[in-house]
C-alpha atoms as a PDB file:
ATOM      1  CA  MET A   1      15.703   7.926 100.077  1.00  0.00           C
ATOM      2  CA  ASN A   2      14.547   7.080 103.601  1.00  0.00           C
ATOM      3  CA  SER A   3      15.583   9.949 105.897  1.00  0.00           C
ATOM      4  CA  ALA A   4      17.137   7.620 108.483  1.00  0.00           C
ATOM      5  CA  VAL A   5      19.324   6.077 105.769  1.00  0.00           C
ATOM      6  CA  ALA A   6      20.228   9.557 104.488  1.00  0.00           C
ATOM      7  CA  ARG A   7      21.248  10.642 107.989  1.00  0.00           C
ATOM      8  CA  LYS A   8      23.392   7.542 108.375  1.00  0.00           C
ATOM      9  CA  ARG A   9      25.213   8.376 105.149  1.00  0.00           C
ATOM     10  CA  MET A  10      25.597  11.994 106.236  1.00  0.00           C
ATOM     11  CA  VAL A  11      27.153  10.925 109.522  1.00  0.00           C
ATOM     12  CA  ALA A  12      29.500   8.523 107.721  1.00  0.00           C
ATOM     13  CA  GLU A  13      30.753  11.464 105.638  1.00  0.00           C
ATOM     14  CA  LEU A  14      31.261  13.528 108.779  1.00  0.00           C
ATOM     15  CA  VAL A  15      33.448  10.771 110.199  1.00  0.00           C
ATOM     16  CA  LYS A  16      35.504  10.747 106.998  1.00  0.00           C
ATOM     17  CA  ARG A  17      36.014  14.494 107.374  1.00  0.00           C
ATOM     18  CA  GLY A  18      37.369  14.191 110.888  1.00  0.00           C
ATOM     19  CA  ILE A  19      34.398  14.519 113.236  1.00  0.00           C
ATOM     20  CA  THR A  20      35.208  12.220 116.158  1.00  0.00           C
ATOM     21  CA  ASP A  21      32.880  13.265 118.999  1.00  0.00           C
ATOM     22  CA  GLN A  22      30.466  10.349 119.281  1.00  0.00           C
ATOM     23  CA  ARG A  23      27.839  12.434 121.066  1.00  0.00           C
ATOM     24  CA  VAL A  24      27.831  14.970 118.231  1.00  0.00           C
ATOM     25  CA  LEU A  25      27.585  12.207 115.625  1.00  0.00           C
ATOM     26  CA  GLY A  26      24.761  10.606 117.584  1.00  0.00           C
ATOM     27  CA  ALA A  27      22.814  13.860 117.780  1.00  0.00           C
ATOM     28  CA  MET A  28      23.144  14.456 114.049  1.00  0.00           C
ATOM     29  CA  GLN A  29      22.047  10.871 113.397  1.00  0.00           C
ATOM     30  CA  GLU A  30      18.973  11.517 115.543  1.00  0.00           C
ATOM     31  CA  ILE A  31      17.801  14.991 114.443  1.00  0.00           C
ATOM     32  CA  PRO A  32      15.763  14.984 111.179  1.00  0.00           C
ATOM     33  CA  ARG A  33      17.467  17.828 109.284  1.00  0.00           C
ATOM     34  CA  HIS A  34      14.857  17.762 106.509  1.00  0.00           C
ATOM     35  CA  ILE A  35      12.178  19.304 108.743  1.00  0.00           C
ATOM     36  CA  PHE A  36      14.329  22.441 109.069  1.00  0.00           C
ATOM     37  CA  VAL A  37      14.451  23.172 105.322  1.00  0.00           C
ATOM     38  CA  GLU A  38      11.788  24.072 102.786  1.00  0.00           C
ATOM     39  CA  GLU A  39       9.818  21.048 101.605  1.00  0.00           C
ATOM     40  CA  ALA A  40      10.998  21.610  98.019  1.00  0.00           C
ATOM     41  CA  MET A  41      14.596  21.156  99.218  1.00  0.00           C
ATOM     42  CA  SER A  42      14.074  18.212 101.547  1.00  0.00           C
ATOM     43  CA  ALA A  43      15.792  15.856  99.085  1.00  0.00           C
ATOM     44  CA  GLN A  44      18.978  17.924  99.527  1.00  0.00           C
ATOM     45  CA  ALA A  45      18.753  18.161 103.306  1.00  0.00           C
ATOM     46  CA  TYR A  46      21.451  15.578 103.999  1.00  0.00           C
ATOM     47  CA  SER A  47      23.955  16.640 101.366  1.00  0.00           C
ATOM     48  CA  ASP A  48      27.005  18.433 102.760  1.00  0.00           C
ATOM     49  CA  GLY A  49      26.082  21.921 101.676  1.00  0.00           C
ATOM     50  CA  SER A  50      24.278  24.998 102.957  1.00  0.00           C
ATOM     51  CA  LEU A  51      20.726  25.657 101.787  1.00  0.00           C
ATOM     52  CA  PRO A  52      18.597  28.826 101.655  1.00  0.00           C
ATOM     53  CA  ILE A  53      15.895  29.089 104.323  1.00  0.00           C
ATOM     54  CA  GLY A  54      14.395  32.438 103.285  1.00  0.00           C
ATOM     55  CA  GLU A  55      15.025  36.018 104.436  1.00  0.00           C
ATOM     56  CA  LYS A  56      18.475  35.849 102.730  1.00  0.00           C
ATOM     57  CA  GLN A  57      19.641  33.346 105.350  1.00  0.00           C
ATOM     58  CA  THR A  58      20.922  29.766 105.116  1.00  0.00           C
ATOM     59  CA  ILE A  59      21.095  26.539 107.071  1.00  0.00           C
ATOM     60  CA  SER A  60      24.763  25.669 107.528  1.00  0.00           C
ATOM     61  CA  GLN A  61      26.248  22.581 105.915  1.00  0.00           C
ATOM     62  CA  PRO A  62      26.254  19.512 108.191  1.00  0.00           C
ATOM     63  CA  TYR A  63      30.053  19.477 108.468  1.00  0.00           C
ATOM     64  CA  ILE A  64      30.278  23.013 109.842  1.00  0.00           C
ATOM     65  CA  VAL A  65      27.438  22.300 112.310  1.00  0.00           C
ATOM     66  CA  ALA A  66      29.304  19.222 113.497  1.00  0.00           C
ATOM     67  CA  LYS A  67      32.678  20.986 113.622  1.00  0.00           C
ATOM     68  CA  MET A  68      31.432  23.958 115.638  1.00  0.00           C
ATOM     69  CA  THR A  69      29.497  21.723 118.010  1.00  0.00           C
ATOM     70  CA  GLN A  70      32.491  19.445 118.507  1.00  0.00           C
ATOM     71  CA  LEU A  71      34.646  22.454 119.420  1.00  0.00           C
ATOM     72  CA  LEU A  72      32.275  23.230 122.306  1.00  0.00           C
ATOM     73  CA  ALA A  73      33.095  19.818 123.875  1.00  0.00           C
ATOM     74  CA  LEU A  74      29.668  19.510 125.518  1.00  0.00           C
ATOM     75  CA  THR A  75      29.116  16.932 128.256  1.00  0.00           C
ATOM     76  CA  GLY A  76      25.361  17.297 128.753  1.00  0.00           C
ATOM     77  CA  ARG A  77      25.349  19.563 131.813  1.00  0.00           C
ATOM     78  CA  GLU A  78      25.862  22.921 130.123  1.00  0.00           C
ATOM     79  CA  LYS A  79      23.725  25.984 129.550  1.00  0.00           C
ATOM     80  CA  VAL A  80      24.465  27.050 125.962  1.00  0.00           C
ATOM     81  CA  LEU A  81      23.830  30.336 124.177  1.00  0.00           C
ATOM     82  CA  GLU A  82      23.326  30.220 120.405  1.00  0.00           C
ATOM     83  CA  LEU A  83      23.270  33.457 118.412  1.00  0.00           C
ATOM     84  CA  GLY A  84      21.503  33.205 115.062  1.00  0.00           C
ATOM     85  CA  THR A  85      18.758  30.585 115.398  1.00  0.00           C
ATOM     86  CA  GLY A  86      18.018  30.545 111.681  1.00  0.00           C
ATOM     87  CA  SER A  87      16.210  27.326 110.798  1.00  0.00           C
ATOM     88  CA  GLY A  88      16.572  25.959 114.328  1.00  0.00           C
ATOM     89  CA  TYR A  89      18.654  22.936 113.279  1.00  0.00           C
ATOM     90  CA  GLN A  90      21.803  23.910 115.185  1.00  0.00           C
ATOM     91  CA  ALA A  91      19.685  24.628 118.277  1.00  0.00           C
ATOM     92  CA  ALA A  92      18.140  21.160 117.958  1.00  0.00           C
ATOM     93  CA  VAL A  93      21.583  19.543 117.863  1.00  0.00           C
ATOM     94  CA  LEU A  94      22.694  21.580 120.886  1.00  0.00           C
ATOM     95  CA  ALA A  95      19.502  20.742 122.780  1.00  0.00           C
ATOM     96  CA  THR A  96      20.256  17.044 122.356  1.00  0.00           C
ATOM     97  CA  LEU A  97      23.741  17.518 123.814  1.00  0.00           C
ATOM     98  CA  ALA A  98      23.291  20.115 126.570  1.00  0.00           C
ATOM     99  CA  ASP A  99      21.041  20.674 129.564  1.00  0.00           C
ATOM    100  CA  ARG A 100      19.595  23.962 128.308  1.00  0.00           C
ATOM    101  CA  VAL A 101      19.820  26.109 125.172  1.00  0.00           C
ATOM    102  CA  CYS A 102      19.093  29.830 124.891  1.00  0.00           C
ATOM    103  CA  THR A 103      18.939  30.959 121.265  1.00  0.00           C
ATOM    104  CA  VAL A 104      18.435  34.408 119.720  1.00  0.00           C
ATOM    105  CA  GLU A 105      17.153  35.231 116.218  1.00  0.00           C
ATOM    106  CA  ARG A 106      16.689  38.776 114.908  1.00  0.00           C
ATOM    107  CA  ILE A 107      14.305  37.864 112.038  1.00  0.00           C
ATOM    108  CA  ARG A 108      10.822  37.176 113.360  1.00  0.00           C
ATOM    109  CA  PRO A 109       9.514  34.880 110.547  1.00  0.00           C
ATOM    110  CA  LEU A 110      12.567  32.632 110.906  1.00  0.00           C
ATOM    111  CA  ALA A 111      12.225  32.549 114.682  1.00  0.00           C
ATOM    112  CA  LEU A 112       8.589  31.491 114.433  1.00  0.00           C
ATOM    113  CA  LYS A 113       9.363  28.716 111.946  1.00  0.00           C
ATOM    114  CA  ALA A 114      12.266  27.514 114.056  1.00  0.00           C
ATOM    115  CA  ARG A 115      10.111  27.417 117.184  1.00  0.00           C
ATOM    116  CA  LYS A 116       7.527  25.319 115.355  1.00  0.00           C
ATOM    117  CA  ALA A 117      10.152  22.838 114.163  1.00  0.00           C
ATOM    118  CA  LEU A 118      11.746  22.575 117.610  1.00  0.00           C
ATOM    119  CA  ASP A 119       8.346  22.054 119.246  1.00  0.00           C
ATOM    120  CA  SER A 120       7.534  19.296 116.760  1.00  0.00           C
ATOM    121  CA  LEU A 121      10.541  17.402 118.127  1.00  0.00           C
ATOM    122  CA  ARG A 122       9.503  18.161 121.729  1.00  0.00           C
ATOM    123  CA  LEU A 123      12.804  19.873 122.458  1.00  0.00           C
ATOM    124  CA  LEU A 124      11.484  21.621 125.529  1.00  0.00           C
ATOM    125  CA  ASN A 125      14.896  22.700 126.811  1.00  0.00           C
ATOM    126  CA  VAL A 126      15.240  25.412 124.130  1.00  0.00           C
ATOM    127  CA  ASN A 127      14.384  28.998 125.073  1.00  0.00           C
ATOM    128  CA  LEU A 128      14.123  31.202 121.953  1.00  0.00           C
ATOM    129  CA  LYS A 129      13.791  34.958 121.792  1.00  0.00           C
ATOM    130  CA  ILE A 130      13.706  37.542 118.997  1.00  0.00           C
ATOM    131  CA  GLY A 131      16.338  40.238 119.336  1.00  0.00           C
ATOM    132  CA  ASP A 132      19.863  41.450 118.616  1.00  0.00           C
ATOM    133  CA  GLY A 133      22.083  38.412 119.071  1.00  0.00           C
ATOM    134  CA  THR A 134      25.262  40.485 118.975  1.00  0.00           C
ATOM    135  CA  GLU A 135      24.394  41.632 122.495  1.00  0.00           C
ATOM    136  CA  GLY A 136      24.120  38.078 123.769  1.00  0.00           C
ATOM    137  CA  TRP A 137      21.531  37.385 126.468  1.00  0.00           C
ATOM    138  CA  ALA A 138      22.720  39.129 129.609  1.00  0.00           C
ATOM    139  CA  GLU A 139      19.703  38.138 131.703  1.00  0.00           C
ATOM    140  CA  GLU A 140      20.542  34.440 131.239  1.00  0.00           C
ATOM    141  CA  ALA A 141      24.328  34.747 131.632  1.00  0.00           C
ATOM    142  CA  PRO A 142      26.727  33.247 132.434  1.00  0.00           C
ATOM    143  CA  PHE A 143      26.858  30.500 129.805  1.00  0.00           C
ATOM    144  CA  ASP A 144      29.039  27.409 129.805  1.00  0.00           C
ATOM    145  CA  ALA A 145      29.232  27.558 126.011  1.00  0.00           C
ATOM    146  CA  ILE A 146      28.396  30.115 123.327  1.00  0.00           C
ATOM    147  CA  LEU A 147      28.042  29.397 119.615  1.00  0.00           C
ATOM    148  CA  VAL A 148      27.630  32.126 116.976  1.00  0.00           C
ATOM    149  CA  THR A 149      26.217  31.016 113.617  1.00  0.00           C
ATOM    150  CA  ALA A 150      26.946  34.146 111.560  1.00  0.00           C
ATOM    151  CA  GLY A 151      30.171  35.866 110.522  1.00  0.00           C
ATOM    152  CA  ALA A 152      31.302  38.727 112.769  1.00  0.00           C
ATOM    153  CA  PRO A 153      33.788  41.522 111.965  1.00  0.00           C
ATOM    154  CA  HIS A 154      35.327  41.031 115.435  1.00  0.00           C
ATOM    155  CA  LEU A 155      34.776  39.171 118.682  1.00  0.00           C
ATOM    156  CA  PRO A 156      32.144  41.084 120.704  1.00  0.00           C
ATOM    157  CA  ASP A 157      33.409  41.855 124.210  1.00  0.00           C
ATOM    158  CA  CYS A 158      29.964  41.294 125.701  1.00  0.00           C
ATOM    159  CA  LEU A 159      30.018  37.637 124.645  1.00  0.00           C
ATOM    160  CA  VAL A 160      33.326  37.046 126.385  1.00  0.00           C
ATOM    161  CA  GLN A 161      31.870  38.706 129.484  1.00  0.00           C
ATOM    162  CA  GLN A 162      28.823  36.408 129.363  1.00  0.00           C
ATOM    163  CA  LEU A 163      30.991  33.288 129.129  1.00  0.00           C
ATOM    164  CA  ALA A 164      31.401  31.432 132.407  1.00  0.00           C
ATOM    165  CA  PRO A 165      34.871  30.599 133.764  1.00  0.00           C
ATOM    166  CA  GLY A 166      35.902  27.352 132.103  1.00  0.00           C
ATOM    167  CA  GLY A 167      33.562  28.064 129.198  1.00  0.00           C
ATOM    168  CA  ARG A 168      34.109  27.818 125.446  1.00  0.00           C
ATOM    169  CA  LEU A 169      32.915  30.175 122.693  1.00  0.00           C
ATOM    170  CA  VAL A 170      32.962  29.407 118.951  1.00  0.00           C
ATOM    171  CA  ILE A 171      32.496  32.266 116.470  1.00  0.00           C
ATOM    172  CA  PRO A 172      33.326  32.926 112.790  1.00  0.00           C
ATOM    173  CA  VAL A 173      35.322  36.171 112.505  1.00  0.00           C
ATOM    174  CA  GLY A 174      36.505  37.894 109.328  1.00  0.00           C
ATOM    175  CA  ASP A 175      35.260  40.028 106.468  1.00  0.00           C
ATOM    176  CA  ARG A 176      31.929  39.847 104.648  1.00  0.00           C
ATOM    177  CA  ILE A 177      33.059  36.975 102.401  1.00  0.00           C
ATOM    178  CA  ASP A 178      35.407  34.718 104.357  1.00  0.00           C
ATOM    179  CA  GLN A 179      35.957  34.060 108.029  1.00  0.00           C
ATOM    180  CA  LYS A 180      37.950  31.852 110.377  1.00  0.00           C
ATOM    181  CA  LEU A 181      36.378  29.876 113.178  1.00  0.00           C
ATOM    182  CA  LEU A 182      37.713  31.088 116.509  1.00  0.00           C
ATOM    183  CA  LEU A 183      37.645  28.940 119.628  1.00  0.00           C
ATOM    184  CA  VAL A 184      37.710  31.195 122.672  1.00  0.00           C
ATOM    185  CA  THR A 185      38.263  29.606 126.082  1.00  0.00           C
ATOM    186  CA  LYS A 186      37.966  31.346 129.422  1.00  0.00           C
ATOM    187  CA  GLY A 187      40.142  30.122 132.271  1.00  0.00           C
ATOM    188  CA  MET A 188      38.858  29.663 135.786  1.00  0.00           C
ATOM    189  CA  ASP A 189      40.820  32.811 136.655  1.00  0.00           C
ATOM    190  CA  GLY A 190      39.037  34.800 133.931  1.00  0.00           C
ATOM    191  CA  SER A 191      41.932  34.705 131.475  1.00  0.00           C
ATOM    192  CA  VAL A 192      40.998  34.355 127.797  1.00  0.00           C
ATOM    193  CA  ALA A 193      42.753  32.297 125.116  1.00  0.00           C
ATOM    194  CA  THR A 194      41.887  32.302 121.411  1.00  0.00           C
ATOM    195  CA  GLU A 195      42.642  29.567 118.874  1.00  0.00           C
ATOM    196  CA  GLU A 196      42.103  29.929 115.115  1.00  0.00           C
ATOM    197  CA  CYS A 197      40.462  26.897 113.513  1.00  0.00           C
ATOM    198  CA  ASP A 198      38.957  26.179 110.070  1.00  0.00           C
ATOM    199  CA  GLY A 199      38.169  28.701 107.368  1.00  0.00           C
ATOM    200  CA  CYS A 200      34.441  29.157 106.741  1.00  0.00           C
ATOM    201  CA  ARG A 201      31.839  31.342 105.066  1.00  0.00           C
ATOM    202  CA  PHE A 202      28.721  32.546 106.881  1.00  0.00           C
ATOM    203  CA  VAL A 203      26.054  35.171 106.363  1.00  0.00           C
ATOM    204  CA  ARG A 204      26.857  38.400 108.230  1.00  0.00           C
ATOM    205  CA  LEU A 205      26.188  38.818 111.930  1.00  0.00           C
ATOM    206  CA  ILE A 206      23.931  41.877 111.927  1.00  0.00           C
ATOM    207  CA  GLY A 207      23.510  44.032 115.006  1.00  0.00           C
ATOM    208  CA  ARG A 208      24.968  46.564 117.399  1.00  0.00           C
ATOM    209  CA  ASN A 209      28.181  44.568 117.942  1.00  0.00           C
ATOM    210  CA  GLY A 210      28.405  43.138 114.427  1.00  0.00           C
ATOM    211  CA  TRP A 211      27.761  44.404 110.912  1.00  0.00           C
ATOM    212  CA  ASN A 212      24.999  46.879 110.225  1.00  0.00           C
ATOM    213  CA  ASP A 213      22.499  46.548 107.371  1.00  0.00           C
ATOM    214  CA  GLU A 214      24.325  49.111 105.234  1.00  0.00           C
ATOM    215  CA  GLN A 215      27.772  47.498 105.462  1.00  0.00           C
END
């Protein structure tokens, strides 16, 4: 199937599942998801499921990418922090919707592949580094929005600290099997409110403020 047609069908399914943000739908119509998966799996790239990308990691299903992005309510002026670059697909979607994206990946081979894919799309507003995403990116803070693409055992305090007043943070929190999406909003006075959203299942967020390799 032609990839443009496949993306159109994917977006139509997202609408059926309740995604309403037209900017998010437009970005996912535009970004060629198949270049972020292994060539052998390109035929499955637009199905609504996660796929392995190597290193025991996955690319999230299109619905969860759309849902998390929609929760950020981006307008195009934001500086966004993404933790867990993975394939680079979520960063590509964010880069289409925000002014600047800072993304952190702890696994070097994945980071290098993601950088190559992002460069092929000329997404020059993405700054990628290799490191412990659970610590955020203090040098670039504050961020208008933060998105975490791996399941955490708790909400790291440092991420809340790096969120700008008026900012929004989306993170899956729970055990090693199942999590809930949390939407964290910071008031202009620094107050923090947390809302529990959809259930989800992500790979573990590994690092100092997440799970460790032995857990």
